Every structure is written in C-alpha cells, then in structure tokens.
Protein backbone atom coordinates (compact mmCIF):
# COMPACT_ATOMS: atom_id res chain seq x y z
CA MET A 1 82.89 145.48 126.63
CA ASN A 2 85.63 143.00 125.76
CA ASP A 3 88.54 144.64 123.88
CA LYS A 4 90.59 141.44 123.57
CA LYS A 5 91.48 140.17 120.12
CA GLU A 6 89.50 137.08 119.19
CA LEU A 7 91.76 134.31 117.93
CA SER A 8 91.06 132.37 114.79
CA VAL A 9 90.74 128.60 114.90
CA PHE A 10 94.23 128.31 113.37
CA GLU A 11 95.79 130.57 116.03
CA GLN A 12 94.10 128.59 118.78
CA TYR A 13 95.34 125.31 117.35
CA ALA A 14 98.90 126.53 116.80
CA LEU A 15 99.29 128.00 120.28
CA ILE A 16 98.33 125.34 122.79
CA PRO A 17 98.45 126.80 126.32
CA SER A 18 100.70 125.13 128.90
CA HIS A 19 97.97 125.21 131.55
CA GLN A 20 94.23 125.76 131.78
CA PRO A 21 93.04 129.29 132.60
CA THR A 22 91.87 129.97 136.15
CA ALA A 23 88.71 131.91 136.92
CA ASP A 24 90.78 135.14 136.99
CA GLU A 25 92.60 134.44 133.71
CA ASP A 26 91.37 134.67 130.17
CA GLU A 27 92.49 131.96 127.70
CA THR A 28 93.69 134.63 125.25
CA ASP A 29 96.04 135.99 127.97
CA ILE A 30 97.73 132.58 128.30
CA ILE A 31 98.05 132.12 124.55
CA SER A 32 99.51 135.61 124.22
CA GLU A 33 102.13 134.77 126.89
CA GLU A 34 102.99 131.54 125.05
CA GLN A 35 103.57 133.54 121.86
CA HIS A 36 106.34 135.52 123.55
CA THR A 37 108.16 132.52 125.03
CA LYS A 38 111.16 131.56 122.92
CA HIS A 39 111.97 127.88 122.51
CA PRO A 40 115.26 126.17 121.65
CA TYR A 41 115.71 125.88 117.89
CA ARG A 42 116.21 122.60 116.04
CA ALA A 43 116.35 122.64 112.24
CA PHE A 44 115.23 119.02 112.08
CA CYS A 45 113.93 116.23 114.27
CA GLN A 46 114.97 112.66 113.63
CA ASP A 47 112.66 109.71 113.25
CA GLU A 48 112.24 107.42 116.21
CA ALA A 49 114.21 104.25 115.48
CA ASP A 50 111.31 101.93 116.32
CA ASN A 51 108.57 104.11 114.84
CA PRO A 52 109.69 106.02 111.71
CA ALA A 53 107.37 108.71 110.40
CA ILE A 54 105.77 108.17 107.00
CA ARG A 55 105.32 111.91 106.51
CA LEU A 56 107.80 114.78 106.58
CA ASN A 57 106.52 117.91 108.33
CA ILE A 58 107.99 121.16 107.02
CA GLU A 59 107.36 124.34 109.03
CA HIS A 60 108.25 127.83 107.82
CA GLY A 61 107.07 131.43 107.83
CA GLY A 62 107.41 134.47 110.03
CA SER A 63 104.46 135.54 112.12
CA ASP A 64 102.24 133.49 109.80
CA ARG A 65 103.60 130.00 110.34
CA TYR A 66 102.88 127.36 107.73
CA CYS A 67 103.29 123.62 108.05
CA HIS A 68 103.29 121.16 105.15
CA SER A 69 102.91 117.45 105.80
CA MET A 70 104.45 115.61 102.84
CA ALA A 71 104.43 111.85 102.26
CA LYS A 72 108.03 110.66 102.34
CA ASN A 73 107.37 108.17 99.56
CA ASN A 74 106.63 111.16 97.26
CA LEU A 75 110.15 112.57 97.75
CA ILE A 76 111.83 111.91 94.40
CA GLY A 77 114.99 114.00 94.67
CA ILE A 78 117.31 116.00 96.90
CA GLU A 79 119.52 118.74 95.45
CA TYR A 80 122.33 119.93 97.69
CA SER A 81 125.04 122.57 97.30
CA ASN A 82 127.90 123.85 99.41
CA GLY A 83 126.38 123.29 102.88
CA THR A 84 124.08 126.26 102.24
CA TYR A 85 121.37 125.27 99.75
CA LEU A 86 119.04 122.28 99.75
CA SER A 87 116.01 121.45 97.61
CA LEU A 88 113.51 118.69 98.23
CA ILE A 89 111.68 117.60 95.09
CA PHE A 90 108.34 115.88 95.65
CA THR A 91 105.89 114.61 93.05
CA THR A 92 103.61 117.56 93.92
CA GLY A 93 106.07 120.40 94.52
CA VAL A 94 109.51 121.59 95.53
CA PHE A 95 110.88 123.11 98.73
CA LEU A 96 113.88 125.43 98.28
CA MET A 97 115.91 125.82 101.47
CA GLU A 98 118.79 127.98 102.54
CA GLY A 99 120.79 127.85 105.74
CA LYS A 100 124.06 127.08 107.49
CA ASN A 101 125.80 123.80 108.26
CA LEU A 102 123.31 121.70 106.28
CA ASP A 103 125.63 118.69 105.92
CA PRO A 104 124.09 116.72 108.85
CA LEU A 105 120.58 117.41 107.53
CA TYR A 106 121.52 116.24 104.02
CA ILE A 107 122.99 113.01 105.38
CA LYS A 108 119.91 112.29 107.54
CA LEU A 109 117.54 113.05 104.65
CA ASN A 110 119.43 110.61 102.41
CA ARG A 111 119.12 107.94 105.09
CA GLU A 112 115.39 108.71 105.48
CA LYS A 113 115.88 109.58 109.17
CA VAL A 114 114.17 113.00 109.29
CA ALA A 115 110.66 113.44 110.69
CA SER A 116 110.38 117.26 110.50
CA LEU A 117 112.09 120.43 109.31
CA CYS A 118 111.72 123.88 110.83
CA CYS A 119 112.85 127.28 109.59
CA PHE A 120 114.53 129.49 112.22
CA ASN A 121 112.28 132.29 113.44
CA PRO A 122 113.92 134.80 115.85
CA ALA A 123 110.51 135.69 117.29
CA LEU A 124 109.90 132.05 118.30
CA HIS A 125 113.32 130.49 118.80
CA GLU A 126 116.36 131.10 120.95
CA GLN A 127 119.49 131.95 118.97
CA PRO A 128 121.19 128.66 117.97
CA ASN A 129 124.94 128.04 118.16
CA GLU A 130 126.94 128.92 115.04
CA SER A 131 127.90 125.24 114.62
CA ASP A 132 124.25 124.05 114.62
CA THR A 133 122.28 123.26 111.48
CA ILE A 134 120.14 126.34 110.80
CA LEU A 135 117.45 126.69 108.13
CA THR A 136 117.05 130.41 107.43
CA ARG A 137 114.64 130.10 104.51
CA ILE A 138 112.16 127.52 103.29
CA GLU A 139 110.20 128.37 100.16
CA PRO A 140 107.55 126.01 98.78
CA LEU A 141 107.04 126.05 95.00
CA SER A 142 104.63 124.28 92.72
CA LEU A 143 106.21 122.11 90.03
CA GLN A 144 105.28 124.74 87.44
CA GLU A 145 106.97 127.51 89.46
CA ALA A 146 110.09 125.38 89.94
CA GLU A 147 110.21 124.57 86.22
CA ALA A 148 109.86 128.26 85.30
CA LEU A 149 112.62 129.13 87.78
CA GLY A 150 114.91 126.47 86.29
CA SER A 151 114.39 127.65 82.71
CA SER A 152 115.11 131.33 83.42
C-alpha cells in the first residue's frame, strides 16, 4: 500500500524537480525535498534589455502560492508612499503591496523595467539583507473591492 501523498497537477507544476528520479526514488520524494530548499529572495526581476516582457508576473501567498500574469499595457496607475506601500492599478484589478526599501522597485516600475514581483516567504526564501527591497505583503483586489476600500 502506498501511503505517499498524491500531488495535484498544480503542485507538480509549481515544484519542478532538479533531476529525474532513479529506480530507487519516488518522484514525490524529490519534489518534497525541493519544497524544503530555500532560495535567495529577490522582490523583483528586471526585464532583459533586448527582450522586454509584455506581462508582469506577480507571485504571492504562503504555502498556497499564487501567480498573476498581468498585461503591462493594462497598468494604468502606480500609487507609492513612504518607501513602504505600493499599489498597482490595472484595468481589471488592484494589487496592494507592503514592504521595505521599495524606492528601487518604484523607479523600475515607472521605467517599465520590471518583469516579475515576488512576495517574501520565509518557508521558501533565504532571509534577505535589511538594505534589499523586500515585499512582505501582496494583496490582489477586484476594482469593486478597491473602490469599497477607498470609500470607507
């Protein structure tokens, strides 16, 4: 009898193993090991100079990671405050963000040089330096939710 947890399609896609299982290994063992490996944290990745991305990928969440792929041409506004708060306003929704040292991110977003954003997750990422840009919260909202939040 096999007592191993069966992974959903989403878990399998999100956790790509670094090598193929041998005859003595089970694929779920490799994926489980990959889950516990911490990676260096980067709040944002820049566009390649010769091949800029047309979409902005936004990843957030704890153990349930979510990724939104938003068309950059639908970004209609950026709200920024005090190096700590940032909001991206798209034609279809809003992303509220909180973090530390967000000045470099704000500048790169204004210059359309950002390809992806990632919220810090201590279970997945190594602890970044205090001087690094760190996104500690990313909250997606529908336009209706954002409007209700603004009027309260």
